N, C-alpha and C. Protein backbone atom coordinates (compact mmCIF):
# COMPACT_ATOMS: atom_id res chain seq x y z
N MET A 1 72.06 -28.10 -94.54
CA MET A 1 70.80 -28.22 -93.85
C MET A 1 70.24 -29.63 -94.07
N ALA A 2 69.76 -30.24 -93.02
CA ALA A 2 69.18 -31.58 -93.11
C ALA A 2 67.80 -31.49 -93.75
N THR A 3 67.44 -32.55 -94.43
CA THR A 3 66.12 -32.60 -95.04
C THR A 3 65.30 -33.68 -94.37
N LEU A 4 64.01 -33.45 -94.30
CA LEU A 4 63.10 -34.43 -93.73
C LEU A 4 62.79 -35.49 -94.77
N PRO A 5 62.54 -36.74 -94.32
CA PRO A 5 62.21 -37.78 -95.29
C PRO A 5 60.86 -37.51 -95.97
N THR A 6 60.79 -37.92 -97.22
CA THR A 6 59.54 -37.80 -97.97
C THR A 6 58.59 -38.91 -97.54
N ASP A 7 57.34 -38.82 -97.97
CA ASP A 7 56.38 -39.88 -97.68
C ASP A 7 56.86 -41.21 -98.25
N ASP A 8 57.42 -41.19 -99.45
CA ASP A 8 57.92 -42.43 -100.05
C ASP A 8 59.04 -43.03 -99.20
N GLU A 9 59.91 -42.20 -98.67
CA GLU A 9 61.01 -42.68 -97.83
C GLU A 9 60.48 -43.24 -96.51
N LYS A 10 59.45 -42.63 -95.98
CA LYS A 10 58.84 -43.13 -94.74
C LYS A 10 58.19 -44.49 -94.96
N VAL A 11 57.50 -44.64 -96.08
CA VAL A 11 56.90 -45.94 -96.41
C VAL A 11 58.00 -46.99 -96.58
N ARG A 12 59.09 -46.62 -97.21
CA ARG A 12 60.22 -47.53 -97.40
C ARG A 12 60.79 -47.98 -96.05
N MET A 13 60.84 -47.08 -95.06
CA MET A 13 61.30 -47.44 -93.73
C MET A 13 60.45 -48.58 -93.16
N VAL A 14 59.15 -48.45 -93.31
CA VAL A 14 58.23 -49.45 -92.78
C VAL A 14 58.39 -50.76 -93.55
N LEU A 15 58.48 -50.68 -94.86
CA LEU A 15 58.67 -51.90 -95.66
C LEU A 15 59.98 -52.59 -95.28
N ASP A 16 61.01 -51.82 -94.99
CA ASP A 16 62.29 -52.40 -94.59
C ASP A 16 62.18 -53.12 -93.25
N ILE A 17 61.33 -52.62 -92.36
CA ILE A 17 61.11 -53.31 -91.09
C ILE A 17 60.40 -54.63 -91.33
N PHE A 18 59.39 -54.64 -92.19
CA PHE A 18 58.73 -55.91 -92.54
C PHE A 18 59.75 -56.87 -93.16
N LYS A 19 60.61 -56.35 -94.01
CA LYS A 19 61.64 -57.17 -94.66
C LYS A 19 62.59 -57.75 -93.62
N HIS A 20 62.95 -56.95 -92.62
CA HIS A 20 63.83 -57.40 -91.54
C HIS A 20 63.30 -58.68 -90.89
N PHE A 21 61.98 -58.78 -90.76
CA PHE A 21 61.35 -59.93 -90.13
C PHE A 21 61.01 -61.04 -91.13
N GLY A 22 61.39 -60.88 -92.39
CA GLY A 22 61.09 -61.90 -93.40
C GLY A 22 59.60 -62.05 -93.65
N SER A 23 58.89 -60.95 -93.56
CA SER A 23 57.43 -60.98 -93.67
C SER A 23 56.94 -61.37 -95.05
N ARG A 24 55.80 -62.00 -95.04
CA ARG A 24 55.07 -62.37 -96.24
C ARG A 24 53.69 -61.69 -96.17
N PRO A 25 52.92 -61.71 -97.26
CA PRO A 25 51.58 -61.10 -97.21
C PRO A 25 50.75 -61.68 -96.07
N GLY A 26 50.08 -60.81 -95.35
CA GLY A 26 49.25 -61.22 -94.24
C GLY A 26 49.97 -61.24 -92.90
N HIS A 27 51.29 -61.12 -92.91
CA HIS A 27 52.06 -61.11 -91.66
C HIS A 27 51.83 -59.79 -90.94
N ALA A 28 51.58 -59.85 -89.65
CA ALA A 28 51.32 -58.64 -88.86
C ALA A 28 52.46 -58.40 -87.88
N LEU A 29 52.80 -57.14 -87.71
CA LEU A 29 53.81 -56.73 -86.74
C LEU A 29 53.17 -55.78 -85.74
N GLY A 30 53.59 -55.90 -84.49
CA GLY A 30 53.09 -55.03 -83.44
C GLY A 30 54.00 -53.82 -83.25
N ALA A 31 53.55 -52.92 -82.42
CA ALA A 31 54.30 -51.69 -82.16
C ALA A 31 55.70 -51.97 -81.65
N LYS A 32 55.86 -53.00 -80.82
CA LYS A 32 57.18 -53.33 -80.27
C LYS A 32 58.17 -53.69 -81.38
N ASN A 33 57.68 -54.36 -82.42
CA ASN A 33 58.55 -54.71 -83.54
C ASN A 33 59.06 -53.47 -84.24
N PHE A 34 58.16 -52.53 -84.50
CA PHE A 34 58.56 -51.29 -85.18
C PHE A 34 59.49 -50.46 -84.30
N THR A 35 59.19 -50.41 -83.01
CA THR A 35 60.01 -49.63 -82.09
C THR A 35 61.41 -50.20 -81.96
N ALA A 36 61.51 -51.52 -81.79
CA ALA A 36 62.82 -52.15 -81.59
C ALA A 36 63.72 -52.00 -82.81
N VAL A 37 63.20 -52.32 -83.98
CA VAL A 37 64.01 -52.23 -85.20
C VAL A 37 64.28 -50.77 -85.55
N GLY A 38 63.27 -49.93 -85.42
CA GLY A 38 63.45 -48.52 -85.72
C GLY A 38 64.49 -47.87 -84.83
N ALA A 39 64.48 -48.20 -83.55
CA ALA A 39 65.45 -47.63 -82.62
C ALA A 39 66.87 -48.06 -82.96
N LYS A 40 67.04 -49.33 -83.29
CA LYS A 40 68.37 -49.83 -83.66
C LYS A 40 68.90 -49.13 -84.91
N ALA A 41 67.99 -48.81 -85.82
CA ALA A 41 68.38 -48.17 -87.08
C ALA A 41 68.43 -46.64 -86.95
N GLY A 42 68.08 -46.11 -85.78
CA GLY A 42 68.10 -44.67 -85.58
C GLY A 42 66.98 -43.94 -86.28
N LEU A 43 65.86 -44.61 -86.50
CA LEU A 43 64.73 -43.99 -87.19
C LEU A 43 63.86 -43.21 -86.21
N ASN A 44 63.24 -42.18 -86.70
CA ASN A 44 62.32 -41.38 -85.92
C ASN A 44 60.97 -42.10 -85.88
N MET A 45 60.42 -42.31 -84.69
CA MET A 45 59.17 -43.06 -84.57
C MET A 45 57.99 -42.34 -85.23
N SER A 46 58.01 -41.03 -85.27
CA SER A 46 56.91 -40.33 -85.95
C SER A 46 57.00 -40.55 -87.46
N ASP A 47 58.21 -40.71 -87.99
CA ASP A 47 58.36 -41.02 -89.42
C ASP A 47 57.80 -42.41 -89.72
N ILE A 48 58.03 -43.35 -88.81
CA ILE A 48 57.50 -44.70 -88.99
C ILE A 48 55.97 -44.66 -88.94
N ALA A 49 55.43 -43.92 -87.98
CA ALA A 49 53.96 -43.79 -87.88
C ALA A 49 53.39 -43.18 -89.15
N ASP A 50 54.05 -42.15 -89.68
CA ASP A 50 53.61 -41.54 -90.94
C ASP A 50 53.69 -42.56 -92.08
N GLY A 51 54.77 -43.35 -92.10
CA GLY A 51 54.94 -44.36 -93.14
C GLY A 51 53.84 -45.40 -93.11
N ILE A 52 53.44 -45.79 -91.91
CA ILE A 52 52.34 -46.76 -91.76
C ILE A 52 51.05 -46.14 -92.28
N ARG A 53 50.80 -44.89 -91.91
CA ARG A 53 49.58 -44.20 -92.36
C ARG A 53 49.54 -44.05 -93.87
N VAL A 54 50.63 -43.55 -94.46
CA VAL A 54 50.68 -43.34 -95.91
C VAL A 54 50.61 -44.68 -96.64
N GLY A 55 51.35 -45.66 -96.15
CA GLY A 55 51.32 -46.99 -96.76
C GLY A 55 49.93 -47.61 -96.69
N GLY A 56 49.22 -47.35 -95.59
CA GLY A 56 47.84 -47.84 -95.48
C GLY A 56 46.93 -47.19 -96.51
N GLU A 57 47.12 -45.89 -96.72
CA GLU A 57 46.34 -45.18 -97.74
C GLU A 57 46.63 -45.71 -99.13
N ARG A 58 47.84 -46.22 -99.33
CA ARG A 58 48.24 -46.76 -100.64
C ARG A 58 47.92 -48.25 -100.77
N GLY A 59 47.36 -48.85 -99.74
CA GLY A 59 46.99 -50.26 -99.79
C GLY A 59 48.14 -51.22 -99.52
N LEU A 60 49.24 -50.72 -98.97
CA LEU A 60 50.40 -51.57 -98.69
C LEU A 60 50.29 -52.25 -97.33
N PHE A 61 49.57 -51.62 -96.41
CA PHE A 61 49.37 -52.13 -95.06
C PHE A 61 47.90 -52.01 -94.71
N GLU A 62 47.48 -52.84 -93.77
CA GLU A 62 46.13 -52.70 -93.24
C GLU A 62 46.16 -53.04 -91.75
N ASP A 63 45.11 -52.67 -91.06
CA ASP A 63 45.04 -52.94 -89.63
C ASP A 63 45.00 -54.45 -89.40
N GLY A 64 45.79 -54.87 -88.43
CA GLY A 64 45.82 -56.27 -88.04
C GLY A 64 45.22 -56.44 -86.66
N PRO A 65 45.27 -57.65 -86.13
CA PRO A 65 44.71 -57.90 -84.81
C PRO A 65 45.52 -57.20 -83.71
N ASN A 66 44.84 -56.82 -82.64
CA ASN A 66 45.50 -56.22 -81.46
C ASN A 66 46.35 -55.01 -81.81
N ASN A 67 45.83 -54.13 -82.64
CA ASN A 67 46.52 -52.89 -83.03
C ASN A 67 47.83 -53.13 -83.77
N SER A 68 47.92 -54.24 -84.45
CA SER A 68 49.11 -54.51 -85.25
C SER A 68 48.90 -53.97 -86.68
N VAL A 69 49.96 -54.07 -87.47
CA VAL A 69 49.92 -53.64 -88.87
C VAL A 69 50.22 -54.85 -89.73
N LYS A 70 49.34 -55.10 -90.69
CA LYS A 70 49.46 -56.29 -91.54
C LYS A 70 49.95 -55.89 -92.93
N LEU A 71 50.89 -56.66 -93.45
CA LEU A 71 51.42 -56.45 -94.79
C LEU A 71 50.46 -57.04 -95.82
N THR A 72 50.11 -56.26 -96.82
CA THR A 72 49.20 -56.74 -97.87
C THR A 72 50.02 -57.35 -99.02
N ASP A 73 49.33 -57.94 -99.98
CA ASP A 73 49.99 -58.46 -101.19
C ASP A 73 50.73 -57.32 -101.90
N ALA A 74 50.08 -56.14 -101.99
CA ALA A 74 50.69 -55.00 -102.66
C ALA A 74 51.94 -54.54 -101.90
N GLY A 75 51.89 -54.56 -100.58
CA GLY A 75 53.05 -54.19 -99.78
C GLY A 75 54.20 -55.17 -99.98
N PHE A 76 53.88 -56.44 -100.04
CA PHE A 76 54.91 -57.45 -100.27
C PHE A 76 55.57 -57.25 -101.63
N ALA A 77 54.76 -56.91 -102.63
CA ALA A 77 55.31 -56.67 -103.98
C ALA A 77 56.23 -55.46 -103.98
N GLU A 78 55.99 -54.48 -103.12
CA GLU A 78 56.84 -53.29 -103.04
C GLU A 78 58.17 -53.56 -102.34
N MET A 79 58.21 -54.62 -101.53
CA MET A 79 59.44 -54.93 -100.82
C MET A 79 60.50 -55.36 -101.82
């Protein structure tokens, strides 16, 4: 039986997407960035959305301009 990813695994998916782009603290990614990389990696978009939400609650991400997601210092340290 397949298992669903945990919240920690979902956050890791999002951090890996930031890492893919060589992101530093304060770097923002838009939905297209998450969709393109996530699709290539075969990730479920709802898992990525959950990862962004959970990571935001943990202070790893914050809202950026134009509905983007910004990597915080804490998020960069987790990468």
